[in-house]
Amino acid sequence: LACGTAFELRRMRRDVAAKETTTALLKRLARSPQ
């Protein structure tokens, strides 16, 4: 159970990081004049 929980936490952290990266990219694109 401890191994499974650690794996889930790692996966959730990776998903959050991916969302943050996508959000930052979209904001940068929205600010870009071209």
Full PDB file with SEQRES, HELIX, SHEET, SSBOND, CRYST1, ORIGX, SCALE, CONECT and MASTER records, all heavy atoms in Angstrom:
SEQRES   1 A   34  LEU ALA CYS GLY THR ALA PHE GLU LEU ARG ARG MET ARG          
SEQRES   2 A   34  ARG ASP VAL ALA ALA LYS GLU THR THR THR ALA LEU LEU          
SEQRES   3 A   34  LYS ARG LEU ALA ARG SER PRO GLN                              
HELIX    1 AA1 ALA A    2  ARG A   31  1                                  30    
CRYST1    1.000    1.000    1.000  90.00  90.00  90.00 P 1           1          
ORIGX1      1.000000  0.000000  0.000000        0.00000                         
ORIGX2      0.000000  1.000000  0.000000        0.00000                         
ORIGX3      0.000000  0.000000  1.000000        0.00000                         
SCALE1      1.000000  0.000000  0.000000        0.00000                         
SCALE2      0.000000  1.000000  0.000000        0.00000                         
SCALE3      0.000000  0.000000  1.000000        0.00000                         
ATOM      1  N   LEU A   1       0.830  -1.205   0.000  1.00  0.00           N  
ATOM      2  CA  LEU A   1       0.000   0.000   0.000  1.00  0.00           C  
ATOM      3  C   LEU A   1       0.863   1.253   0.000  1.00  0.00           C  
ATOM      4  O   LEU A   1       0.565   2.222  -0.695  1.00  0.00           O  
ATOM      5  CB  LEU A   1      -0.925   0.005   1.225  1.00  0.00           C  
ATOM      6  CG  LEU A   1      -2.087  -0.979   1.197  1.00  0.00           C  
ATOM      7  CD1 LEU A   1      -2.819  -0.949   2.539  1.00  0.00           C  
ATOM      8  CD2 LEU A   1      -3.049  -0.660   0.066  1.00  0.00           C  
ATOM      9  N   ALA A   2       1.941   1.229   0.770  1.00  0.00           N  
ATOM     10  CA  ALA A   2       2.827   2.390   0.834  1.00  0.00           C  
ATOM     11  C   ALA A   2       3.467   2.640  -0.530  1.00  0.00           C  
ATOM     12  O   ALA A   2       3.560   3.781  -0.979  1.00  0.00           O  
ATOM     13  CB  ALA A   2       3.899   2.172   1.900  1.00  0.00           C  
ATOM     14  N   CYS A   3       3.892   1.581  -1.211  1.00  0.00           N  
ATOM     15  CA  CYS A   3       4.487   1.728  -2.544  1.00  0.00           C  
ATOM     16  C   CYS A   3       3.452   2.280  -3.528  1.00  0.00           C  
ATOM     17  O   CYS A   3       3.763   3.154  -4.329  1.00  0.00           O  
ATOM     18  CB  CYS A   3       5.011   0.387  -3.050  1.00  0.00           C  
ATOM     19  SG  CYS A   3       6.543  -0.102  -2.258  1.00  0.00           S  
ATOM     20  N   GLY A   4       2.249   1.772  -3.475  1.00  0.00           N  
ATOM     21  CA  GLY A   4       1.189   2.240  -4.363  1.00  0.00           C  
ATOM     22  C   GLY A   4       0.858   3.708  -4.119  1.00  0.00           C  
ATOM     23  O   GLY A   4       0.679   4.481  -5.054  1.00  0.00           O  
ATOM     24  N   THR A   5       0.835   4.106  -2.858  1.00  0.00           N  
ATOM     25  CA  THR A   5       0.537   5.497  -2.519  1.00  0.00           C  
ATOM     26  C   THR A   5       1.648   6.409  -3.013  1.00  0.00           C  
ATOM     27  O   THR A   5       1.385   7.474  -3.576  1.00  0.00           O  
ATOM     28  CB  THR A   5       0.367   5.648  -0.992  1.00  0.00           C  
ATOM     29  OG1 THR A   5      -0.662   4.756  -0.569  1.00  0.00           O  
ATOM     30  CG2 THR A   5      -0.023   7.048  -0.624  1.00  0.00           C  
ATOM     31  N   ALA A   6       2.895   5.997  -2.827  1.00  0.00           N  
ATOM     32  CA  ALA A   6       4.028   6.805  -3.295  1.00  0.00           C  
ATOM     33  C   ALA A   6       3.976   6.957  -4.811  1.00  0.00           C  
ATOM     34  O   ALA A   6       4.231   8.037  -5.349  1.00  0.00           O  
ATOM     35  CB  ALA A   6       5.344   6.158  -2.865  1.00  0.00           C  
ATOM     36  N   PHE A   7       3.626   5.880  -5.500  1.00  0.00           N  
ATOM     37  CA  PHE A   7       3.529   5.937  -6.962  1.00  0.00           C  
ATOM     38  C   PHE A   7       2.428   6.899  -7.391  1.00  0.00           C  
ATOM     39  O   PHE A   7       2.613   7.701  -8.302  1.00  0.00           O  
ATOM     40  CB  PHE A   7       3.256   4.530  -7.514  1.00  0.00           C  
ATOM     41  CG  PHE A   7       3.066   4.507  -8.995  1.00  0.00           C  
ATOM     42  CD1 PHE A   7       4.145   4.610  -9.846  1.00  0.00           C  
ATOM     43  CD2 PHE A   7       1.792   4.388  -9.540  1.00  0.00           C  
ATOM     44  CE1 PHE A   7       3.961   4.601 -11.218  1.00  0.00           C  
ATOM     45  CE2 PHE A   7       1.606   4.375 -10.910  1.00  0.00           C  
ATOM     46  CZ  PHE A   7       2.693   4.478 -11.748  1.00  0.00           C  
ATOM     47  N   GLU A   8       1.276   6.832  -6.716  1.00  0.00           N  
ATOM     48  CA  GLU A   8       0.156   7.734  -7.042  1.00  0.00           C  
ATOM     49  C   GLU A   8       0.537   9.190  -6.797  1.00  0.00           C  
ATOM     50  O   GLU A   8       0.223  10.060  -7.599  1.00  0.00           O  
ATOM     51  CB  GLU A   8      -1.077   7.378  -6.205  1.00  0.00           C  
ATOM     52  CG  GLU A   8      -1.814   6.166  -6.713  1.00  0.00           C  
ATOM     53  CD  GLU A   8      -2.383   6.364  -8.100  1.00  0.00           C  
ATOM     54  OE1 GLU A   8      -2.980   7.423  -8.359  1.00  0.00           O  
ATOM     55  OE2 GLU A   8      -2.228   5.464  -8.929  1.00  0.00           O  
ATOM     56  N   LEU A   9       1.218   9.459  -5.685  1.00  0.00           N  
ATOM     57  CA  LEU A   9       1.631  10.834  -5.384  1.00  0.00           C  
ATOM     58  C   LEU A   9       2.587  11.356  -6.442  1.00  0.00           C  
ATOM     59  O   LEU A   9       2.488  12.495  -6.874  1.00  0.00           O  
ATOM     60  CB  LEU A   9       2.300  10.888  -4.007  1.00  0.00           C  
ATOM     61  CG  LEU A   9       1.355  10.802  -2.817  1.00  0.00           C  
ATOM     62  CD1 LEU A   9       2.154  10.696  -1.522  1.00  0.00           C  
ATOM     63  CD2 LEU A   9       0.436  12.004  -2.761  1.00  0.00           C  
ATOM     64  N   ARG A  10       3.513  10.504  -6.879  1.00  0.00           N  
ATOM     65  CA  ARG A  10       4.470  10.908  -7.905  1.00  0.00           C  
ATOM     66  C   ARG A  10       3.740  11.219  -9.214  1.00  0.00           C  
ATOM     67  O   ARG A  10       4.031  12.186  -9.895  1.00  0.00           O  
ATOM     68  CB  ARG A  10       5.494   9.782  -8.111  1.00  0.00           C  
ATOM     69  CG  ARG A  10       6.761  10.262  -8.759  1.00  0.00           C  
ATOM     70  CD  ARG A  10       7.814   9.166  -8.865  1.00  0.00           C  
ATOM     71  NE  ARG A  10       7.906   8.343  -7.660  1.00  0.00           N  
ATOM     72  CZ  ARG A  10       7.880   7.019  -7.651  1.00  0.00           C  
ATOM     73  NH1 ARG A  10       7.749   6.347  -8.772  1.00  0.00           N  
ATOM     74  NH2 ARG A  10       7.978   6.354  -6.520  1.00  0.00           N  
ATOM     75  N   ARG A  11       2.754  10.380  -9.542  1.00  0.00           N  
ATOM     76  CA  ARG A  11       1.993  10.582 -10.783  1.00  0.00           C  
ATOM     77  C   ARG A  11       1.171  11.871 -10.709  1.00  0.00           C  
ATOM     78  O   ARG A  11       1.110  12.643 -11.669  1.00  0.00           O  
ATOM     79  CB  ARG A  11       1.072   9.390 -11.024  1.00  0.00           C  
ATOM     80  CG  ARG A  11       0.421   9.382 -12.392  1.00  0.00           C  
ATOM     81  CD  ARG A  11      -0.289   8.081 -12.647  1.00  0.00           C  
ATOM     82  NE  ARG A  11      -1.368   7.871 -11.713  1.00  0.00           N  
ATOM     83  CZ  ARG A  11      -2.641   8.174 -11.951  1.00  0.00           C  
ATOM     84  NH1 ARG A  11      -2.988   8.696 -13.091  1.00  0.00           N  
ATOM     85  NH2 ARG A  11      -3.557   7.948 -11.052  1.00  0.00           N  
ATOM     86  N   MET A  12       0.567  12.130  -9.552  1.00  0.00           N  
ATOM     87  CA  MET A  12      -0.222  13.351  -9.385  1.00  0.00           C  
ATOM     88  C   MET A  12       0.660  14.588  -9.494  1.00  0.00           C  
ATOM     89  O   MET A  12       0.285  15.575 -10.113  1.00  0.00           O  
ATOM     90  CB  MET A  12      -0.924  13.339  -8.017  1.00  0.00           C  
ATOM     91  CG  MET A  12      -2.131  12.419  -7.969  1.00  0.00           C  
ATOM     92  SD  MET A  12      -2.736  12.153  -6.293  1.00  0.00           S  
ATOM     93  CE  MET A  12      -3.036  13.815  -5.761  1.00  0.00           C  
ATOM     94  N   ARG A  13       1.868  14.517  -8.908  1.00  0.00           N  
ATOM     95  CA  ARG A  13       2.792  15.641  -8.980  1.00  0.00           C  
ATOM     96  C   ARG A  13       3.195  15.915 -10.422  1.00  0.00           C  
ATOM     97  O   ARG A  13       3.289  17.058 -10.846  1.00  0.00           O  
ATOM     98  CB  ARG A  13       4.045  15.341  -8.138  1.00  0.00           C  
ATOM     99  CG  ARG A  13       4.231  16.334  -7.026  1.00  0.00           C  
ATOM    100  CD  ARG A  13       5.483  16.074  -6.225  1.00  0.00           C  
ATOM    101  NE  ARG A  13       5.190  15.199  -5.102  1.00  0.00           N  
ATOM    102  CZ  ARG A  13       5.898  14.120  -4.788  1.00  0.00           C  
ATOM    103  NH1 ARG A  13       6.942  13.775  -5.471  1.00  0.00           N  
ATOM    104  NH2 ARG A  13       5.546  13.392  -3.770  1.00  0.00           N  
ATOM    105  N   ARG A  14       3.424  14.841 -11.175  1.00  0.00           N  
ATOM    106  CA  ARG A  14       3.813  14.991 -12.580  1.00  0.00           C  
ATOM    107  C   ARG A  14       2.663  15.601 -13.386  1.00  0.00           C  
ATOM    108  O   ARG A  14       2.885  16.476 -14.228  1.00  0.00           O  
ATOM    109  CB  ARG A  14       4.198  13.624 -13.145  1.00  0.00           C  
ATOM    110  CG  ARG A  14       4.930  13.699 -14.455  1.00  0.00           C  
ATOM    111  CD  ARG A  14       5.429  12.343 -14.896  1.00  0.00           C  
ATOM    112  NE  ARG A  14       4.316  11.420 -15.029  1.00  0.00           N  
ATOM    113  CZ  ARG A  14       4.314  10.174 -14.573  1.00  0.00           C  
ATOM    114  NH1 ARG A  14       5.347   9.681 -13.966  1.00  0.00           N  
ATOM    115  NH2 ARG A  14       3.252   9.417 -14.736  1.00  0.00           N  
ATOM    116  N   ASP A  15       1.433  15.180 -13.110  1.00  0.00           N  
ATOM    117  CA  ASP A  15       0.264  15.741 -13.808  1.00  0.00           C  
ATOM    118  C   ASP A  15       0.114  17.231 -13.513  1.00  0.00           C  
ATOM    119  O   ASP A  15      -0.168  18.021 -14.404  1.00  0.00           O  
ATOM    120  CB  ASP A  15      -1.018  15.005 -13.392  1.00  0.00           C  
ATOM    121  CG  ASP A  15      -1.081  13.591 -13.953  1.00  0.00           C  
ATOM    122  OD1 ASP A  15      -0.257  13.263 -14.827  1.00  0.00           O  
ATOM    123  OD2 ASP A  15      -1.956  12.831 -13.515  1.00  0.00           O  
ATOM    124  N   VAL A  16       0.306  17.617 -12.246  1.00  0.00           N  
ATOM    125  CA  VAL A  16       0.196  19.023 -11.869  1.00  0.00           C  
ATOM    126  C   VAL A  16       1.273  19.835 -12.568  1.00  0.00           C  
ATOM    127  O   VAL A  16       1.010  20.917 -13.082  1.00  0.00           O  
ATOM    128  CB  VAL A  16       0.293  19.178 -10.326  1.00  0.00           C  
ATOM    129  CG1 VAL A  16       0.474  20.628  -9.937  1.00  0.00           C  
ATOM    130  CG2 VAL A  16      -0.955  18.603  -9.679  1.00  0.00           C  
ATOM    131  N   ALA A  17       2.494  19.316 -12.620  1.00  0.00           N  
ATOM    132  CA  ALA A  17       3.589  20.030 -13.294  1.00  0.00           C  
ATOM    133  C   ALA A  17       3.274  20.203 -14.776  1.00  0.00           C  
ATOM    134  O   ALA A  17       3.536  21.263 -15.348  1.00  0.00           O  
ATOM    135  CB  ALA A  17       4.896  19.268 -13.105  1.00  0.00           C  
ATOM    136  N   ALA A  18       2.702  19.184 -15.400  1.00  0.00           N  
ATOM    137  CA  ALA A  18       2.352  19.278 -16.824  1.00  0.00           C  
ATOM    138  C   ALA A  18       1.277  20.335 -17.041  1.00  0.00           C  
ATOM    139  O   ALA A  18       1.344  21.111 -18.006  1.00  0.00           O  
ATOM    140  CB  ALA A  18       1.883  17.918 -17.336  1.00  0.00           C  
ATOM    141  N   LYS A  19       0.297  20.396 -16.155  1.00  0.00           N  
ATOM    142  CA  LYS A  19      -0.764  21.409 -16.283  1.00  0.00           C  
ATOM    143  C   LYS A  19      -0.201  22.816 -16.128  1.00  0.00           C  
ATOM    144  O   LYS A  19      -0.583  23.725 -16.850  1.00  0.00           O  
ATOM    145  CB  LYS A  19      -1.844  21.171 -15.226  1.00  0.00           C  
ATOM    146  CG  LYS A  19      -2.789  20.055 -15.578  1.00  0.00           C  
ATOM    147  CD  LYS A  19      -3.846  19.905 -14.507  1.00  0.00           C  
ATOM    148  CE  LYS A  19      -4.602  18.613 -14.706  1.00  0.00           C  
ATOM    149  NZ  LYS A  19      -5.287  18.180 -13.506  1.00  0.00           N  
ATOM    150  N   GLU A  20       0.718  22.980 -15.158  1.00  0.00           N  
ATOM    151  CA  GLU A  20       1.321  24.297 -14.940  1.00  0.00           C  
ATOM    152  C   GLU A  20       2.121  24.726 -16.165  1.00  0.00           C  
ATOM    153  O   GLU A  20       2.076  25.891 -16.564  1.00  0.00           O  
ATOM    154  CB  GLU A  20       2.200  24.269 -13.692  1.00  0.00           C  
ATOM    155  CG  GLU A  20       1.395  24.200 -12.410  1.00  0.00           C  
ATOM    156  CD  GLU A  20       2.254  24.021 -11.178  1.00  0.00           C  
ATOM    157  OE1 GLU A  20       3.487  23.858 -11.325  1.00  0.00           O  
ATOM    158  OE2 GLU A  20       1.700  24.049 -10.079  1.00  0.00           O  
ATOM    159  N   THR A  21       2.845  23.803 -16.749  1.00  0.00           N  
ATOM    160  CA  THR A  21       3.631  24.105 -17.943  1.00  0.00           C  
ATOM    161  C   THR A  21       2.719  24.505 -19.090  1.00  0.00           C  
ATOM    162  O   THR A  21       2.972  25.480 -19.799  1.00  0.00           O  
ATOM    163  CB  THR A  21       4.486  22.882 -18.354  1.00  0.00           C  
ATOM    164  OG1 THR A  21       5.304  22.515 -17.245  1.00  0.00           O  
ATOM    165  CG2 THR A  21       5.356  23.186 -19.546  1.00  0.00           C  
ATOM    166  N   THR A  22       1.635  23.766 -19.272  1.00  0.00           N  
ATOM    167  CA  THR A  22       0.675  24.076 -20.342  1.00  0.00           C  
ATOM    168  C   THR A  22       0.041  25.444 -20.123  1.00  0.00           C  
ATOM    169  O   THR A  22      -0.084  26.239 -21.054  1.00  0.00           O  
ATOM    170  CB  THR A  22      -0.422  22.992 -20.395  1.00  0.00           C  
ATOM    171  OG1 THR A  22       0.205  21.728 -20.585  1.00  0.00           O  
ATOM    172  CG2 THR A  22      -1.384  23.245 -21.530  1.00  0.00           C  
ATOM    173  N   THR A  23      -0.321  25.735 -18.883  1.00  0.00           N  
ATOM    174  CA  THR A  23      -0.934  27.033 -18.573  1.00  0.00           C  
ATOM    175  C   THR A  23       0.041  28.168 -18.864  1.00  0.00           C  
ATOM    176  O   THR A  23      -0.338  29.177 -19.462  1.00  0.00           O  
ATOM    177  CB  THR A  23      -1.358  27.079 -17.091  1.00  0.00           C  
ATOM    178  OG1 THR A  23      -2.244  25.990 -16.850  1.00  0.00           O  
ATOM    179  CG2 THR A  23      -2.064  28.358 -16.756  1.00  0.00           C  
ATOM    180  N   ALA A  24       1.303  28.004 -18.466  1.00  0.00           N  
ATOM    181  CA  ALA A  24       2.307  29.039 -18.715  1.00  0.00           C  
ATOM    182  C   ALA A  24       2.503  29.247 -20.215  1.00  0.00           C  
ATOM    183  O   ALA A  24       2.624  30.379 -20.690  1.00  0.00           O  
ATOM    184  CB  ALA A  24       3.624  28.654 -18.050  1.00  0.00           C  
ATOM    185  N   LEU A  25       2.511  28.156 -20.961  1.00  0.00           N  
ATOM    186  CA  LEU A  25       2.679  28.244 -22.413  1.00  0.00           C  
ATOM    187  C   LEU A  25       1.503  28.974 -23.056  1.00  0.00           C  
ATOM    188  O   LEU A  25       1.684  29.846 -23.905  1.00  0.00           O  
ATOM    189  CB  LEU A  25       2.826  26.837 -23.010  1.00  0.00           C  
ATOM    190  CG  LEU A  25       3.053  26.750 -24.513  1.00  0.00           C  
ATOM    191  CD1 LEU A  25       4.368  27.409 -24.879  1.00  0.00           C  
ATOM    192  CD2 LEU A  25       3.042  25.309 -24.958  1.00  0.00           C  
ATOM    193  N   LEU A  26       0.296  28.652 -22.632  1.00  0.00           N  
ATOM    194  CA  LEU A  26      -0.895  29.316 -23.178  1.00  0.00           C  
ATOM    195  C   LEU A  26      -0.903  30.810 -22.850  1.00  0.00           C  
ATOM    196  O   LEU A  26      -1.260  31.632 -23.691  1.00  0.00           O  
ATOM    197  CB  LEU A  26      -2.171  28.653 -22.644  1.00  0.00           C  
ATOM    198  CG  LEU A  26      -2.457  27.259 -23.201  1.00  0.00           C  
ATOM    199  CD1 LEU A  26      -3.645  26.640 -22.473  1.00  0.00           C  
ATOM    200  CD2 LEU A  26      -2.723  27.308 -24.691  1.00  0.00           C  
ATOM    201  N   LYS A  27      -0.490  31.151 -21.642  1.00  0.00           N  
ATOM    202  CA  LYS A  27      -0.433  32.568 -21.274  1.00  0.00           C  
ATOM    203  C   LYS A  27       0.585  33.301 -22.132  1.00  0.00           C  
ATOM    204  O   LYS A  27       0.345  34.424 -22.565  1.00  0.00           O  
ATOM    205  CB  LYS A  27      -0.075  32.715 -19.788  1.00  0.00           C  
ATOM    206  CG  LYS A  27      -1.222  32.403 -18.862  1.00  0.00           C  
ATOM    207  CD  LYS A  27      -0.805  32.589 -17.419  1.00  0.00           C  
ATOM    208  CE  LYS A  27      -1.960  32.255 -16.489  1.00  0.00           C  
ATOM    209  NZ  LYS A  27      -1.567  32.333 -15.088  1.00  0.00           N  
ATOM    210  N   ARG A  28       1.724  32.665 -22.363  1.00  0.00           N  
ATOM    211  CA  ARG A  28       2.763  33.295 -23.183  1.00  0.00           C  
ATOM    212  C   ARG A  28       2.265  33.482 -24.617  1.00  0.00           C  
ATOM    213  O   ARG A  28       2.499  34.514 -25.234  1.00  0.00           O  
ATOM    214  CB  ARG A  28       4.038  32.458 -23.155  1.00  0.00           C  
ATOM    215  CG  ARG A  28       5.243  33.220 -23.650  1.00  0.00           C  
ATOM    216  CD  ARG A  28       6.520  32.487 -23.370  1.00  0.00           C  
ATOM    217  NE  ARG A  28       6.570  31.292 -24.197  1.00  0.00           N  
ATOM    218  CZ  ARG A  28       7.258  30.204 -23.906  1.00  0.00           C  
ATOM    219  NH1 ARG A  28       7.937  30.149 -22.789  1.00  0.00           N  
ATOM    220  NH2 ARG A  28       7.264  29.180 -24.711  1.00  0.00           N  
ATOM    221  N   LEU A  29       1.560  32.492 -25.120  1.00  0.00           N  
ATOM    222  CA  LEU A  29       1.014  32.598 -26.479  1.00  0.00           C  
ATOM    223  C   LEU A  29      -0.048  33.695 -26.564  1.00  0.00           C  
ATOM    224  O   LEU A  29      -0.132  34.409 -27.545  1.00  0.00           O  
ATOM    225  CB  LEU A  29       0.402  31.258 -26.925  1.00  0.00           C  
ATOM    226  CG  LEU A  29       1.397  30.170 -27.288  1.00  0.00           C  
ATOM    227  CD1 LEU A  29       0.654  28.856 -27.533  1.00  0.00           C  
ATOM    228  CD2 LEU A  29       2.211  30.537 -28.512  1.00  0.00           C  
ATOM    229  N   ALA A  30      -0.837  33.841 -25.514  1.00  0.00           N  
ATOM    230  CA  ALA A  30      -1.882  34.863 -25.501  1.00  0.00           C  
ATOM    231  C   ALA A  30      -1.281  36.266 -25.488  1.00  0.00           C  
ATOM    232  O   ALA A  30      -1.823  37.187 -26.064  1.00  0.00           O  
ATOM    233  CB  ALA A  30      -2.787  34.672 -24.285  1.00  0.00           C  
ATOM    234  N   ARG A  31      -0.111  36.407 -24.835  1.00  0.00           N  
ATOM    235  CA  ARG A  31       0.542  37.712 -24.782  1.00  0.00           C  
ATOM    236  C   ARG A  31       1.287  38.038 -26.073  1.00  0.00           C  
ATOM    237  O   ARG A  31       1.544  39.198 -26.363  1.00  0.00           O  
ATOM    238  CB  ARG A  31       1.541  37.749 -23.629  1.00  0.00           C  
ATOM    239  CG  ARG A  31       0.897  37.949 -22.284  1.00  0.00           C  
ATOM    240  CD  ARG A  31       1.958  38.184 -21.257  1.00  0.00           C  
ATOM    241  NE  ARG A  31       2.906  37.063 -21.304  1.00  0.00           N  
ATOM    242  CZ  ARG A  31       3.449  36.483 -20.265  1.00  0.00           C  
ATOM    243  NH1 ARG A  31       3.167  36.916 -19.066  1.00  0.00           N  
ATOM    244  NH2 ARG A  31       4.271  35.476 -20.388  1.00  0.00           N  
ATOM    245  N   SER A  32       1.664  37.012 -26.818  1.00  0.00           N  
ATOM    246  CA  SER A  32       2.457  37.213 -28.034  1.00  0.00           C  
ATOM    247  C   SER A  32       1.617  37.941 -29.096  1.00  0.00           C  
ATOM    248  O   SER A  32       0.518  37.503 -29.408  1.00  0.00           O  
ATOM    249  CB  SER A  32       2.922  35.865 -28.568  1.00  0.00           C  
ATOM    250  OG  SER A  32       3.546  36.033 -29.816  1.00  0.00           O  
ATOM    251  N   PRO A  33       2.140  39.029 -29.666  1.00  0.00           N  
ATOM    252  CA  PRO A  33       1.354  39.769 -30.667  1.00  0.00           C  
ATOM    253  C   PRO A  33       1.116  38.980 -31.946  1.00  0.00           C  
ATOM    254  O   PRO A  33       0.078  39.114 -32.576  1.00  0.00           O  
ATOM    255  CB  PRO A  33       2.212  41.010 -30.938  1.00  0.00           C  
ATOM    256  CG  PRO A  33       3.570  40.671 -30.472  1.00  0.00           C  
ATOM    257  CD  PRO A  33       3.408  39.642 -29.388  1.00  0.00           C  
ATOM    258  N   GLN A  34       2.045  38.134 -32.312  1.00  0.00           N  
ATOM    259  CA  GLN A  34       1.899  37.338 -33.539  1.00  0.00           C  
ATOM    260  C   GLN A  34       1.169  36.023 -33.292  1.00  0.00           C  
ATOM    261  O   GLN A  34       0.749  35.362 -34.228  1.00  0.00           O  
ATOM    262  CB  GLN A  34       3.282  37.027 -34.146  1.00  0.00           C  
ATOM    263  CG  GLN A  34       4.051  38.264 -34.561  1.00  0.00           C  
ATOM    264  CD  GLN A  34       3.326  39.031 -35.675  1.00  0.00           C  
ATOM    265  OE1 GLN A  34       2.662  38.434 -36.503  1.00  0.00           O  
ATOM    266  NE2 GLN A  34       3.454  40.343 -35.652  1.00  0.00           N  
TER     267      GLN A  34                                                      
MASTER        0    0    0    1    0    0    0    6  266    1    0    3          
END                                                                             
